[in-house]
Amino acid sequence: MSSVSAPPSGPDVLRVENLQVYYHTPRGPVKAVDGVRFSLKAAERLGLVGESGSGKTTIALALMRMIRPPGKIEGGRVDLEGVQLLDVSDEHMRRLRLAAIAMVAQGAMNSLNPVLRVRAQIEDAMRDHEVRLPKPALDARIAELLRQVGLDPKVADMYPHELSGGMKQRVCIAVAICLKPRVIIADEPTSALDVVVQRQVMETLRRVQEDLGASVILVGHDMGLMAQFVHRLGVMYAGFLVEVSPVHDVFEEPLHPYTKLLIGSLPSLDERGSFQGIPGLPPSLLNRPPGCPFYARCPSKMDLCATVNPPPREVRPNRWVACHLFNEGQS
């Protein structure tokens, strides 16, 4: 993939403020997402990265209003071009999905109906949003969508099991863009695909995003993929967003200790040997200890970190970090 340009500087298309999502259990609430805030500009690609269980996919599902019991969106605001997604009715939100905000889910085979041809599945998405076209125009639109994602229009007459993993994922992208949404959420869209196909899928996603002028939130754990695709990177840890910065700055000079360890754990062509993971385990989201959630694993911890969870602060232009190392006078 080509190098990533600087982040767009236009207006915000999406603003998330103090988003809280809990999963309720007999032992108490599991605070999967706890006070997350970020913005997304028009035509921007934002990455959300972190260890499994950090809250990335929960954020994606919350933005789509697809959290199901025992999960519950406890609070916050999600503003999509003036529409408060957490306040609208279920029917209004159903109409906004695909038309304004769409999702490419992890695991394409689970997203496609195995007994329906591709054509029928794209038609169903459009019909559900009251898009009624004469058959010649509908066939032309489906052929155009498949070409947009690099597939032969003949794929429309095939079943999902007749397609390769990469082809299935591109069909999912075609469904996601059929109504030209303003925001596309891609939740680990290259999971279980080989390296060559991963590249093809990400190139497809980049191309359709640029053609539509849409914004993308890419959820994943592959830092190398993020470096090649997104403009800005948000680093999740234990339900919190601990750093948000332009992707080039994150790799050039990571600020949060967790981000430093994440990047330090990447394999290097210059240093051969065993991989270095991050010592310890993330805290329990059920009974999270007080203070900074990264305290037990942090090589730079201070006494204050054990009792006070630092709020995110803009410590440099366009660089937000939640860490006591960057209190006034220490950065």
C-alpha atoms as a PDB file:
ATOM      1  CA  MET A   1       0.000   0.000   0.000  1.00  0.00           C
ATOM      2  CA  SER A   2       1.107   3.553  -0.639  1.00  0.00           C
ATOM      3  CA  SER A   3       2.282   5.808   2.185  1.00  0.00           C
ATOM      4  CA  VAL A   4      -0.308   7.581   4.302  1.00  0.00           C
ATOM      5  CA  SER A   5      -0.752  11.323   3.852  1.00  0.00           C
ATOM      6  CA  ALA A   6      -1.301  13.823   6.665  1.00  0.00           C
ATOM      7  CA  PRO A   7      -4.689  13.683   8.433  1.00  0.00           C
ATOM      8  CA  PRO A   8      -7.464  15.683   6.740  1.00  0.00           C
ATOM      9  CA  SER A   9      -8.178  19.062   8.319  1.00  0.00           C
ATOM     10  CA  GLY A  10     -11.831  19.497   7.373  1.00  0.00           C
ATOM     11  CA  PRO A  11     -14.928  19.423   9.610  1.00  0.00           C
ATOM     12  CA  ASP A  12     -15.764  16.568  11.950  1.00  0.00           C
ATOM     13  CA  VAL A  13     -18.202  14.042  10.527  1.00  0.00           C
ATOM     14  CA  LEU A  14     -18.394  12.042  13.787  1.00  0.00           C
ATOM     15  CA  ARG A  15     -17.864  13.040  17.422  1.00  0.00           C
ATOM     16  CA  VAL A  16     -17.879  10.579  20.315  1.00  0.00           C
ATOM     17  CA  GLU A  17     -18.060  11.965  23.851  1.00  0.00           C
ATOM     18  CA  ASN A  18     -17.782  10.012  27.117  1.00  0.00           C
ATOM     19  CA  LEU A  19     -19.020   6.734  25.604  1.00  0.00           C
ATOM     20  CA  GLN A  20     -19.694   4.082  28.246  1.00  0.00           C
ATOM     21  CA  VAL A  21     -20.659   0.476  27.477  1.00  0.00           C
ATOM     22  CA  TYR A  22     -21.058  -2.073  30.265  1.00  0.00           C
ATOM     23  CA  TYR A  23     -21.867  -5.786  30.191  1.00  0.00           C
ATOM     24  CA  HIS A  24     -23.995  -6.660  33.206  1.00  0.00           C
ATOM     25  CA  THR A  25     -23.272  -9.931  35.015  1.00  0.00           C
ATOM     26  CA  PRO A  26     -24.412 -11.440  38.336  1.00  0.00           C
ATOM     27  CA  ARG A  27     -21.088 -10.312  39.808  1.00  0.00           C
ATOM     28  CA  GLY A  28     -21.453  -6.744  38.615  1.00  0.00           C
ATOM     29  CA  PRO A  29     -20.882  -4.638  35.487  1.00  0.00           C
ATOM     30  CA  VAL A  30     -17.961  -5.357  33.169  1.00  0.00           C
ATOM     31  CA  LYS A  31     -16.863  -1.890  32.051  1.00  0.00           C
ATOM     32  CA  ALA A  32     -15.836  -2.704  28.492  1.00  0.00           C
ATOM     33  CA  VAL A  33     -15.744   0.944  27.360  1.00  0.00           C
ATOM     34  CA  ASP A  34     -15.523   3.637  30.007  1.00  0.00           C
ATOM     35  CA  GLY A  35     -15.538   7.293  29.015  1.00  0.00           C
ATOM     36  CA  VAL A  36     -14.070   7.151  25.503  1.00  0.00           C
ATOM     37  CA  ARG A  37     -13.979  10.318  23.412  1.00  0.00           C
ATOM     38  CA  PHE A  38     -12.656  10.960  19.900  1.00  0.00           C
ATOM     39  CA  SER A  39     -13.582  12.673  16.649  1.00  0.00           C
ATOM     40  CA  LEU A  40     -13.425  11.671  12.998  1.00  0.00           C
ATOM     41  CA  LYS A  41     -12.994  14.154  10.176  1.00  0.00           C
ATOM     42  CA  ALA A  42     -14.491  13.935   6.711  1.00  0.00           C
ATOM     43  CA  ALA A  43     -12.460  11.547   4.495  1.00  0.00           C
ATOM     44  CA  GLU A  44     -10.246  10.564   7.440  1.00  0.00           C
ATOM     45  CA  ARG A  45      -9.098   7.045   8.300  1.00  0.00           C
ATOM     46  CA  LEU A  46      -8.820   6.434  12.045  1.00  0.00           C
ATOM     47  CA  GLY A  47      -7.421   3.247  13.559  1.00  0.00           C
ATOM     48  CA  LEU A  48      -8.373   1.712  16.916  1.00  0.00           C
ATOM     49  CA  VAL A  49      -5.731  -0.720  18.120  1.00  0.00           C
ATOM     50  CA  GLY A  50      -5.059  -2.639  21.319  1.00  0.00           C
ATOM     51  CA  GLU A  51      -4.938  -6.070  22.900  1.00  0.00           C
ATOM     52  CA  SER A  52      -7.927  -8.422  22.782  1.00  0.00           C
ATOM     53  CA  GLY A  53     -10.565  -7.294  25.255  1.00  0.00           C
ATOM     54  CA  SER A  54      -9.491  -3.644  25.204  1.00  0.00           C
ATOM     55  CA  GLY A  55     -12.896  -2.452  23.957  1.00  0.00           C
ATOM     56  CA  LYS A  56     -12.261  -1.844  20.243  1.00  0.00           C
ATOM     57  CA  THR A  57     -15.072  -3.973  18.829  1.00  0.00           C
ATOM     58  CA  THR A  58     -17.439  -2.846  21.586  1.00  0.00           C
ATOM     59  CA  ILE A  59     -16.936   0.745  20.402  1.00  0.00           C
ATOM     60  CA  ALA A  60     -17.679  -0.305  16.812  1.00  0.00           C
ATOM     61  CA  LEU A  61     -20.879  -2.076  17.834  1.00  0.00           C
ATOM     62  CA  ALA A  62     -21.941   0.853  20.020  1.00  0.00           C
ATOM     63  CA  LEU A  63     -21.547   3.292  17.120  1.00  0.00           C
ATOM     64  CA  MET A  64     -23.868   1.054  15.100  1.00  0.00           C
ATOM     65  CA  ARG A  65     -26.280   0.716  18.062  1.00  0.00           C
ATOM     66  CA  MET A  66     -25.805  -3.063  17.897  1.00  0.00           C
ATOM     67  CA  ILE A  67     -24.967  -3.728  21.558  1.00  0.00           C
ATOM     68  CA  ARG A  68     -27.244  -6.496  22.827  1.00  0.00           C
ATOM     69  CA  PRO A  69     -28.060  -7.659  26.405  1.00  0.00           C
ATOM     70  CA  PRO A  70     -26.349  -8.205  28.739  1.00  0.00           C
ATOM     71  CA  GLY A  71     -24.479  -5.293  27.163  1.00  0.00           C
ATOM     72  CA  LYS A  72     -25.849  -1.772  27.507  1.00  0.00           C
ATOM     73  CA  ILE A  73     -24.767   1.675  26.367  1.00  0.00           C
ATOM     74  CA  GLU A  74     -24.729   3.425  29.745  1.00  0.00           C
ATOM     75  CA  GLY A  75     -24.015   6.940  28.578  1.00  0.00           C
ATOM     76  CA  GLY A  76     -22.264   9.307  26.236  1.00  0.00           C
ATOM     77  CA  ARG A  77     -22.973  11.054  22.949  1.00  0.00           C
ATOM     78  CA  VAL A  78     -22.347   9.982  19.370  1.00  0.00           C
ATOM     79  CA  ASP A  79     -22.889  12.850  16.932  1.00  0.00           C
ATOM     80  CA  LEU A  80     -22.976  11.929  13.239  1.00  0.00           C
ATOM     81  CA  GLU A  81     -23.253  15.192  11.310  1.00  0.00           C
ATOM     82  CA  GLY A  82     -25.715  16.617  13.811  1.00  0.00           C
ATOM     83  CA  VAL A  83     -27.668  13.408  14.440  1.00  0.00           C
ATOM     84  CA  GLN A  84     -27.357  12.027  17.981  1.00  0.00           C
ATOM     85  CA  LEU A  85     -27.154   8.297  17.264  1.00  0.00           C
ATOM     86  CA  LEU A  86     -27.762   7.255  20.870  1.00  0.00           C
ATOM     87  CA  ASP A  87     -30.976   9.286  21.084  1.00  0.00           C
ATOM     88  CA  VAL A  88     -32.814   8.343  17.886  1.00  0.00           C
ATOM     89  CA  SER A  89     -35.479   5.619  17.798  1.00  0.00           C
ATOM     90  CA  ASP A  90     -34.635   2.061  16.808  1.00  0.00           C
ATOM     91  CA  GLU A  91     -36.429   2.540  13.482  1.00  0.00           C
ATOM     92  CA  HIS A  92     -34.544   5.762  12.745  1.00  0.00           C
ATOM     93  CA  MET A  93     -31.255   4.033  13.566  1.00  0.00           C
ATOM     94  CA  ARG A  94     -32.160   1.131  11.282  1.00  0.00           C
ATOM     95  CA  ARG A  95     -32.607   3.594   8.419  1.00  0.00           C
ATOM     96  CA  LEU A  96     -29.263   5.257   9.208  1.00  0.00           C
ATOM     97  CA  ARG A  97     -27.367   1.968   8.992  1.00  0.00           C
ATOM     98  CA  LEU A  98     -25.893   1.571   5.493  1.00  0.00           C
ATOM     99  CA  ALA A  99     -27.274   4.970   4.449  1.00  0.00           C
ATOM    100  CA  ALA A 100     -25.153   7.063   6.837  1.00  0.00           C
ATOM    101  CA  ILE A 101     -22.940   4.658   8.788  1.00  0.00           C
ATOM    102  CA  ALA A 102     -22.044   1.116   7.691  1.00  0.00           C
ATOM    103  CA  MET A 103     -19.996  -1.750   9.066  1.00  0.00           C
ATOM    104  CA  VAL A 104     -17.749  -4.364   7.500  1.00  0.00           C
ATOM    105  CA  ALA A 105     -17.737  -7.052  10.175  1.00  0.00           C
ATOM    106  CA  GLN A 106     -15.018  -9.498  11.119  1.00  0.00           C
ATOM    107  CA  GLY A 107     -15.569 -12.885   9.470  1.00  0.00           C
ATOM    108  CA  ALA A 108     -17.181 -12.403   6.070  1.00  0.00           C
ATOM    109  CA  MET A 109     -18.732 -15.883   6.016  1.00  0.00           C
ATOM    110  CA  ASN A 110     -20.725 -15.039   9.133  1.00  0.00           C
ATOM    111  CA  SER A 111     -21.964 -11.806   7.534  1.00  0.00           C
ATOM    112  CA  LEU A 112     -23.321 -13.376   4.354  1.00  0.00           C
ATOM    113  CA  ASN A 113     -26.375 -15.614   4.042  1.00  0.00           C
ATOM    114  CA  PRO A 114     -25.094 -18.975   2.751  1.00  0.00           C
ATOM    115  CA  VAL A 115     -28.334 -19.832   0.908  1.00  0.00           C
ATOM    116  CA  LEU A 116     -28.722 -16.568  -1.022  1.00  0.00           C
ATOM    117  CA  ARG A 117     -26.812 -15.473  -4.094  1.00  0.00           C
ATOM    118  CA  VAL A 118     -24.723 -12.312  -3.829  1.00  0.00           C
ATOM    119  CA  ARG A 119     -27.203 -10.418  -6.007  1.00  0.00           C
ATOM    120  CA  ALA A 120     -30.077 -11.149  -3.624  1.00  0.00           C
ATOM    121  CA  GLN A 121     -28.074  -9.993  -0.616  1.00  0.00           C
ATOM    122  CA  ILE A 122     -27.196  -6.640  -2.174  1.00  0.00           C
ATOM    123  CA  GLU A 123     -30.793  -6.231  -3.375  1.00  0.00           C
ATOM    124  CA  ASP A 124     -32.056  -6.970   0.137  1.00  0.00           C
ATOM    125  CA  ALA A 125     -29.853  -4.250   1.642  1.00  0.00           C
ATOM    126  CA  MET A 126     -31.140  -1.695  -0.848  1.00  0.00           C
ATOM    127  CA  ARG A 127     -34.787  -2.805  -0.639  1.00  0.00           C
ATOM    128  CA  ASP A 128     -34.672  -2.571   3.158  1.00  0.00           C
ATOM    129  CA  HIS A 129     -33.930   1.128   2.712  1.00  0.00           C
ATOM    130  CA  GLU A 130     -36.718   1.571   0.184  1.00  0.00           C
ATOM    131  CA  VAL A 131     -34.424   1.869  -2.828  1.00  0.00           C
ATOM    132  CA  ARG A 132     -36.668   0.747  -5.667  1.00  0.00           C
ATOM    133  CA  LEU A 133     -35.089   0.496  -9.117  1.00  0.00           C
ATOM    134  CA  PRO A 134     -36.281  -1.103 -12.364  1.00  0.00           C
ATOM    135  CA  LYS A 135     -34.559  -4.449 -12.918  1.00  0.00           C
ATOM    136  CA  PRO A 136     -32.139  -3.189 -15.629  1.00  0.00           C
ATOM    137  CA  ALA A 137     -31.086  -0.265 -13.424  1.00  0.00           C
ATOM    138  CA  LEU A 138     -30.785  -2.545 -10.377  1.00  0.00           C
ATOM    139  CA  ASP A 139     -28.636  -5.038 -12.290  1.00  0.00           C
ATOM    140  CA  ALA A 140     -26.441  -2.182 -13.507  1.00  0.00           C
ATOM    141  CA  ARG A 141     -26.075  -0.822  -9.967  1.00  0.00           C
ATOM    142  CA  ILE A 142     -25.068  -4.238  -8.571  1.00  0.00           C
ATOM    143  CA  ALA A 143     -22.555  -4.707 -11.403  1.00  0.00           C
ATOM    144  CA  GLU A 144     -21.131  -1.258 -10.654  1.00  0.00           C
ATOM    145  CA  LEU A 145     -20.776  -2.048  -6.937  1.00  0.00           C
ATOM    146  CA  LEU A 146     -18.959  -5.304  -7.671  1.00  0.00           C
ATOM    147  CA  ARG A 147     -16.595  -3.549 -10.071  1.00  0.00           C
ATOM    148  CA  GLN A 148     -15.920  -0.917  -7.398  1.00  0.00           C
ATOM    149  CA  VAL A 149     -14.596  -3.617  -5.095  1.00  0.00           C
ATOM    150  CA  GLY A 150     -12.592  -5.337  -7.828  1.00  0.00           C
ATOM    151  CA  LEU A 151     -14.961  -8.224  -8.568  1.00  0.00           C
ATOM    152  CA  ASP A 152     -16.388  -9.458 -11.848  1.00  0.00           C
ATOM    153  CA  PRO A 153     -20.125  -8.661 -12.128  1.00  0.00           C
ATOM    154  CA  LYS A 154     -20.687 -12.407 -12.652  1.00  0.00           C
ATOM    155  CA  VAL A 155     -20.049 -12.819  -8.911  1.00  0.00           C
ATOM    156  CA  ALA A 156     -23.606 -11.514  -8.408  1.00  0.00           C
ATOM    157  CA  ASP A 157     -24.955 -14.925  -9.460  1.00  0.00           C
ATOM    158  CA  MET A 158     -22.711 -16.916  -7.103  1.00  0.00           C
ATOM    159  CA  TYR A 159     -23.271 -18.207  -3.572  1.00  0.00           C
ATOM    160  CA  PRO A 160     -20.886 -17.244  -0.730  1.00  0.00           C
ATOM    161  CA  HIS A 161     -19.429 -20.764  -0.519  1.00  0.00           C
ATOM    162  CA  GLU A 162     -18.274 -20.434  -4.133  1.00  0.00           C
ATOM    163  CA  LEU A 163     -16.081 -17.437  -3.264  1.00  0.00           C
ATOM    164  CA  SER A 164     -12.639 -17.225  -1.714  1.00  0.00           C
ATOM    165  CA  GLY A 165     -12.161 -15.490   1.631  1.00  0.00           C
ATOM    166  CA  GLY A 166     -10.940 -12.306  -0.009  1.00  0.00           C
ATOM    167  CA  MET A 167     -13.836 -12.275  -2.466  1.00  0.00           C
ATOM    168  CA  LYS A 168     -16.362 -12.731   0.343  1.00  0.00           C
ATOM    169  CA  GLN A 169     -14.865  -9.804   2.231  1.00  0.00           C
ATOM    170  CA  ARG A 170     -15.084  -7.635  -0.889  1.00  0.00           C
ATOM    171  CA  VAL A 171     -18.749  -8.581  -1.262  1.00  0.00           C
ATOM    172  CA  CYS A 172     -19.239  -7.377   2.327  1.00  0.00           C
ATOM    173  CA  ILE A 173     -17.578  -4.082   1.374  1.00  0.00           C
ATOM    174  CA  ALA A 174     -19.894  -3.825  -1.661  1.00  0.00           C
ATOM    175  CA  VAL A 175     -22.932  -4.268   0.610  1.00  0.00           C
ATOM    176  CA  ALA A 176     -21.544  -1.691   3.051  1.00  0.00           C
ATOM    177  CA  ILE A 177     -21.125   0.993   0.367  1.00  0.00           C
ATOM    178  CA  CYS A 178     -24.322   0.315  -1.599  1.00  0.00           C
ATOM    179  CA  LEU A 179     -26.021   3.418  -0.153  1.00  0.00           C
ATOM    180  CA  LYS A 180     -22.869   5.584  -0.053  1.00  0.00           C
ATOM    181  CA  PRO A 181     -22.498   6.009   3.723  1.00  0.00           C
ATOM    182  CA  ARG A 182     -20.496   8.862   5.257  1.00  0.00           C
ATOM    183  CA  VAL A 183     -18.737   6.570   7.774  1.00  0.00           C
ATOM    184  CA  ILE A 184     -17.510   2.993   7.264  1.00  0.00           C
ATOM    185  CA  ILE A 185     -16.482   0.914  10.285  1.00  0.00           C
ATOM    186  CA  ALA A 186     -14.188  -1.990   9.399  1.00  0.00           C
ATOM    187  CA  ASP A 187     -13.782  -4.468  12.269  1.00  0.00           C
ATOM    188  CA  GLU A 188     -10.639  -6.501  11.550  1.00  0.00           C
ATOM    189  CA  PRO A 189     -11.644  -6.926   7.883  1.00  0.00           C
ATOM    190  CA  THR A 190      -8.536  -8.971   7.037  1.00  0.00           C
ATOM    191  CA  SER A 191      -8.839 -11.495   9.863  1.00  0.00           C
ATOM    192  CA  ALA A 192      -7.901 -15.065   8.775  1.00  0.00           C
ATOM    193  CA  LEU A 193      -6.760 -13.910   5.312  1.00  0.00           C
ATOM    194  CA  ASP A 194      -3.255 -14.493   4.001  1.00  0.00           C
ATOM    195  CA  VAL A 195      -0.869 -11.556   3.618  1.00  0.00           C
ATOM    196  CA  VAL A 196      -1.371 -11.071  -0.126  1.00  0.00           C
ATOM    197  CA  VAL A 197      -5.171 -11.111   0.170  1.00  0.00           C
ATOM    198  CA  GLN A 198      -5.009  -8.791   3.196  1.00  0.00           C
ATOM    199  CA  ARG A 199      -3.243  -6.236   1.029  1.00  0.00           C
ATOM    200  CA  GLN A 200      -5.815  -6.586  -1.744  1.00  0.00           C
ATOM    201  CA  VAL A 201      -8.730  -6.142   0.658  1.00  0.00           C
ATOM    202  CA  MET A 202      -7.177  -3.072   2.282  1.00  0.00           C
ATOM    203  CA  GLU A 203      -6.414  -1.540  -1.118  1.00  0.00           C
ATOM    204  CA  THR A 204     -10.056  -2.150  -2.041  1.00  0.00           C
ATOM    205  CA  LEU A 205     -11.262  -0.481   1.158  1.00  0.00           C
ATOM    206  CA  ARG A 206      -8.962   2.491   0.595  1.00  0.00           C
ATOM    207  CA  ARG A 207     -10.102   2.892  -3.002  1.00  0.00           C
ATOM    208  CA  VAL A 208     -13.836   2.820  -2.258  1.00  0.00           C
ATOM    209  CA  GLN A 209     -13.355   5.143   0.727  1.00  0.00           C
ATOM    210  CA  GLU A 210     -11.566   7.685  -1.448  1.00  0.00           C
ATOM    211  CA  ASP A 211     -14.107   7.321  -4.265  1.00  0.00           C
ATOM    212  CA  LEU A 212     -16.993   7.980  -1.860  1.00  0.00           C
ATOM    213  CA  GLY A 213     -15.196  10.622   0.188  1.00  0.00           C
ATOM    214  CA  ALA A 214     -16.230   8.604   3.247  1.00  0.00           C
ATOM    215  CA  SER A 215     -14.464   8.324   6.587  1.00  0.00           C
ATOM    216  CA  VAL A 216     -13.223   4.985   7.946  1.00  0.00           C
ATOM    217  CA  ILE A 217     -12.713   3.600  11.442  1.00  0.00           C
ATOM    218  CA  LEU A 218     -10.422   0.569  11.204  1.00  0.00           C
ATOM    219  CA  VAL A 219     -10.524  -1.747  14.226  1.00  0.00           C
ATOM    220  CA  GLY A 220      -7.657  -4.199  14.626  1.00  0.00           C
ATOM    221  CA  HIS A 221      -4.488  -5.277  16.380  1.00  0.00           C
ATOM    222  CA  ASP A 222      -2.043  -5.256  13.451  1.00  0.00           C
ATOM    223  CA  MET A 223       0.169  -2.223  13.991  1.00  0.00           C
ATOM    224  CA  GLY A 224       1.876  -2.731  10.615  1.00  0.00           C
ATOM    225  CA  LEU A 225      -1.467  -2.606   8.822  1.00  0.00           C
ATOM    226  CA  MET A 226      -2.423   0.520  10.750  1.00  0.00           C
ATOM    227  CA  ALA A 227       0.836   2.216   9.794  1.00  0.00           C
ATOM    228  CA  GLN A 228       0.079   1.719   6.092  1.00  0.00           C
ATOM    229  CA  PHE A 229      -3.615   2.631   6.123  1.00  0.00           C
ATOM    230  CA  VAL A 230      -4.800   5.107   8.764  1.00  0.00           C
ATOM    231  CA  HIS A 231      -4.174   8.827   9.183  1.00  0.00           C
ATOM    232  CA  ARG A 232      -4.550   8.798  12.970  1.00  0.00           C
ATOM    233  CA  LEU A 233      -4.232   6.025  15.529  1.00  0.00           C
ATOM    234  CA  GLY A 234      -6.167   5.556  18.760  1.00  0.00           C
ATOM    235  CA  VAL A 235      -4.647   3.136  21.284  1.00  0.00           C
ATOM    236  CA  MET A 236      -7.129   1.297  23.517  1.00  0.00           C
ATOM    237  CA  TYR A 237      -6.330  -0.261  26.878  1.00  0.00           C
ATOM    238  CA  ALA A 238      -8.781  -1.814  29.365  1.00  0.00           C
ATOM    239  CA  GLY A 239     -11.748   0.170  28.076  1.00  0.00           C
ATOM    240  CA  PHE A 240      -9.920   3.497  27.830  1.00  0.00           C
ATOM    241  CA  LEU A 241      -8.442   5.412  24.906  1.00  0.00           C
ATOM    242  CA  VAL A 242      -4.934   6.125  26.220  1.00  0.00           C
ATOM    243  CA  GLU A 243      -3.393   7.839  23.188  1.00  0.00           C
ATOM    244  CA  VAL A 244      -4.670   9.425  19.951  1.00  0.00           C
ATOM    245  CA  SER A 245      -2.115  10.851  17.531  1.00  0.00           C
ATOM    246  CA  PRO A 246      -1.276  11.072  13.823  1.00  0.00           C
ATOM    247  CA  VAL A 247      -0.001   7.625  12.895  1.00  0.00           C
ATOM    248  CA  HIS A 248       3.416   8.883  11.770  1.00  0.00           C
ATOM    249  CA  ASP A 249       3.958  10.585  15.135  1.00  0.00           C
ATOM    250  CA  VAL A 250       2.950   7.443  17.042  1.00  0.00           C
ATOM    251  CA  PHE A 251       5.630   5.362  15.333  1.00  0.00           C
ATOM    252  CA  GLU A 252       8.204   8.161  15.364  1.00  0.00           C
ATOM    253  CA  GLU A 253       7.724   8.957  19.058  1.00  0.00           C
ATOM    254  CA  PRO A 254       5.089   7.018  21.019  1.00  0.00           C
ATOM    255  CA  LEU A 255       4.114   8.901  24.179  1.00  0.00           C
ATOM    256  CA  HIS A 256       2.061   6.578  26.387  1.00  0.00           C
ATOM    257  CA  PRO A 257       4.102   3.764  27.994  1.00  0.00           C
ATOM    258  CA  TYR A 258       1.634   1.184  26.685  1.00  0.00           C
ATOM    259  CA  THR A 259       1.996   2.498  23.136  1.00  0.00           C
ATOM    260  CA  LYS A 260       5.794   2.322  23.485  1.00  0.00           C
ATOM    261  CA  LEU A 261       5.601  -1.309  24.575  1.00  0.00           C
ATOM    262  CA  LEU A 262       3.159  -2.169  21.779  1.00  0.00           C
ATOM    263  CA  ILE A 263       5.521  -0.776  19.164  1.00  0.00           C
ATOM    264  CA  GLY A 264       8.526  -2.321  20.921  1.00  0.00           C
ATOM    265  CA  SER A 265       6.928  -5.751  20.633  1.00  0.00           C
ATOM    266  CA  LEU A 266       6.831  -5.561  16.829  1.00  0.00           C
ATOM    267  CA  PRO A 267       9.322  -7.784  14.967  1.00  0.00           C
ATOM    268  CA  SER A 268      12.304  -5.964  13.489  1.00  0.00           C
ATOM    269  CA  LEU A 269      14.483  -6.744  10.480  1.00  0.00           C
ATOM    270  CA  ASP A 270      17.429  -5.149  12.274  1.00  0.00           C
ATOM    271  CA  GLU A 271      17.263  -7.240  15.449  1.00  0.00           C
ATOM    272  CA  ARG A 272      16.971 -10.994  15.199  1.00  0.00           C
ATOM    273  CA  GLY A 273      15.864 -13.130  18.107  1.00  0.00           C
ATOM    274  CA  SER A 274      12.794 -13.985  20.150  1.00  0.00           C
ATOM    275  CA  PHE A 275       9.743 -11.717  20.208  1.00  0.00           C
ATOM    276  CA  GLN A 276       9.347  -9.473  23.243  1.00  0.00           C
ATOM    277  CA  GLY A 277       5.808  -9.339  24.570  1.00  0.00           C
ATOM    278  CA  ILE A 278       4.369  -6.979  27.174  1.00  0.00           C
ATOM    279  CA  PRO A 279       4.824  -8.476  30.676  1.00  0.00           C
ATOM    280  CA  GLY A 280       1.737  -9.072  32.796  1.00  0.00           C
ATOM    281  CA  LEU A 281      -1.959  -9.100  31.958  1.00  0.00           C
ATOM    282  CA  PRO A 282      -4.613  -6.399  31.517  1.00  0.00           C
ATOM    283  CA  PRO A 283      -6.688  -5.695  34.650  1.00  0.00           C
ATOM    284  CA  SER A 284     -10.107  -7.214  35.219  1.00  0.00           C
ATOM    285  CA  LEU A 285     -12.841  -5.032  33.750  1.00  0.00           C
ATOM    286  CA  LEU A 286     -15.219  -6.407  36.389  1.00  0.00           C
ATOM    287  CA  ASN A 287     -13.305  -5.234  39.464  1.00  0.00           C
ATOM    288  CA  ARG A 288     -10.842  -2.770  38.015  1.00  0.00           C
ATOM    289  CA  PRO A 289      -8.388  -1.449  40.628  1.00  0.00           C
ATOM    290  CA  PRO A 290      -8.225   2.301  41.276  1.00  0.00           C
ATOM    291  CA  GLY A 291      -5.762   4.503  39.468  1.00  0.00           C
ATOM    292  CA  CYS A 292      -4.327   4.126  35.998  1.00  0.00           C
ATOM    293  CA  PRO A 293      -5.423   0.820  34.407  1.00  0.00           C
ATOM    294  CA  PHE A 294      -1.887   0.260  33.082  1.00  0.00           C
ATOM    295  CA  TYR A 295      -0.275   0.759  36.514  1.00  0.00           C
ATOM    296  CA  ALA A 296       0.610  -2.896  37.218  1.00  0.00           C
ATOM    297  CA  ARG A 297       2.454  -3.311  33.883  1.00  0.00           C
ATOM    298  CA  CYS A 298       3.913   0.171  33.456  1.00  0.00           C
ATOM    299  CA  PRO A 299       7.704   0.582  33.574  1.00  0.00           C
ATOM    300  CA  SER A 300       7.322   4.336  34.257  1.00  0.00           C
ATOM    301  CA  LYS A 301       4.718   4.265  37.045  1.00  0.00           C
ATOM    302  CA  MET A 302       4.679   6.760  39.889  1.00  0.00           C
ATOM    303  CA  ASP A 303       2.899   6.767  43.255  1.00  0.00           C
ATOM    304  CA  LEU A 304       0.132   8.980  41.853  1.00  0.00           C
ATOM    305  CA  CYS A 305      -0.662   6.372  39.186  1.00  0.00           C
ATOM    306  CA  ALA A 306      -1.858   3.887  41.831  1.00  0.00           C
ATOM    307  CA  THR A 307      -4.759   6.070  42.940  1.00  0.00           C
ATOM    308  CA  VAL A 308      -5.646   8.558  40.170  1.00  0.00           C
ATOM    309  CA  ASN A 309      -6.664   7.588  36.641  1.00  0.00           C
ATOM    310  CA  PRO A 310      -5.258  10.323  34.378  1.00  0.00           C
ATOM    311  CA  PRO A 311      -7.708  12.013  31.982  1.00  0.00           C
ATOM    312  CA  PRO A 312      -6.710  12.437  28.320  1.00  0.00           C
ATOM    313  CA  ARG A 313      -4.946  15.740  27.631  1.00  0.00           C
ATOM    314  CA  GLU A 314      -3.725  17.384  24.438  1.00  0.00           C
ATOM    315  CA  VAL A 315      -0.041  17.475  25.349  1.00  0.00           C
ATOM    316  CA  ARG A 316       1.078  18.511  21.865  1.00  0.00           C
ATOM    317  CA  PRO A 317      -0.856  19.730  18.809  1.00  0.00           C
ATOM    318  CA  ASN A 318      -3.257  16.919  17.782  1.00  0.00           C
ATOM    319  CA  ARG A 319      -1.692  14.508  20.289  1.00  0.00           C
ATOM    320  CA  TRP A 320      -3.879  13.307  23.155  1.00  0.00           C
ATOM    321  CA  VAL A 321      -2.458  11.151  25.964  1.00  0.00           C
ATOM    322  CA  ALA A 322      -3.893   9.861  29.239  1.00  0.00           C
ATOM    323  CA  CYS A 323      -0.771   9.598  31.384  1.00  0.00           C
ATOM    324  CA  HIS A 324       0.575  11.350  34.491  1.00  0.00           C
ATOM    325  CA  LEU A 325       3.987  11.618  32.808  1.00  0.00           C
ATOM    326  CA  PHE A 326       2.432  14.465  30.841  1.00  0.00           C
ATOM    327  CA  ASN A 327       1.025  16.496  33.709  1.00  0.00           C
ATOM    328  CA  GLU A 328       1.733  20.218  33.571  1.00  0.00           C
ATOM    329  CA  GLY A 329       5.435  20.786  33.960  1.00  0.00           C
ATOM    330  CA  GLN A 330       6.410  17.164  33.273  1.00  0.00           C
ATOM    331  CA  SER A 331       5.928  16.820  29.505  1.00  0.00           C
END
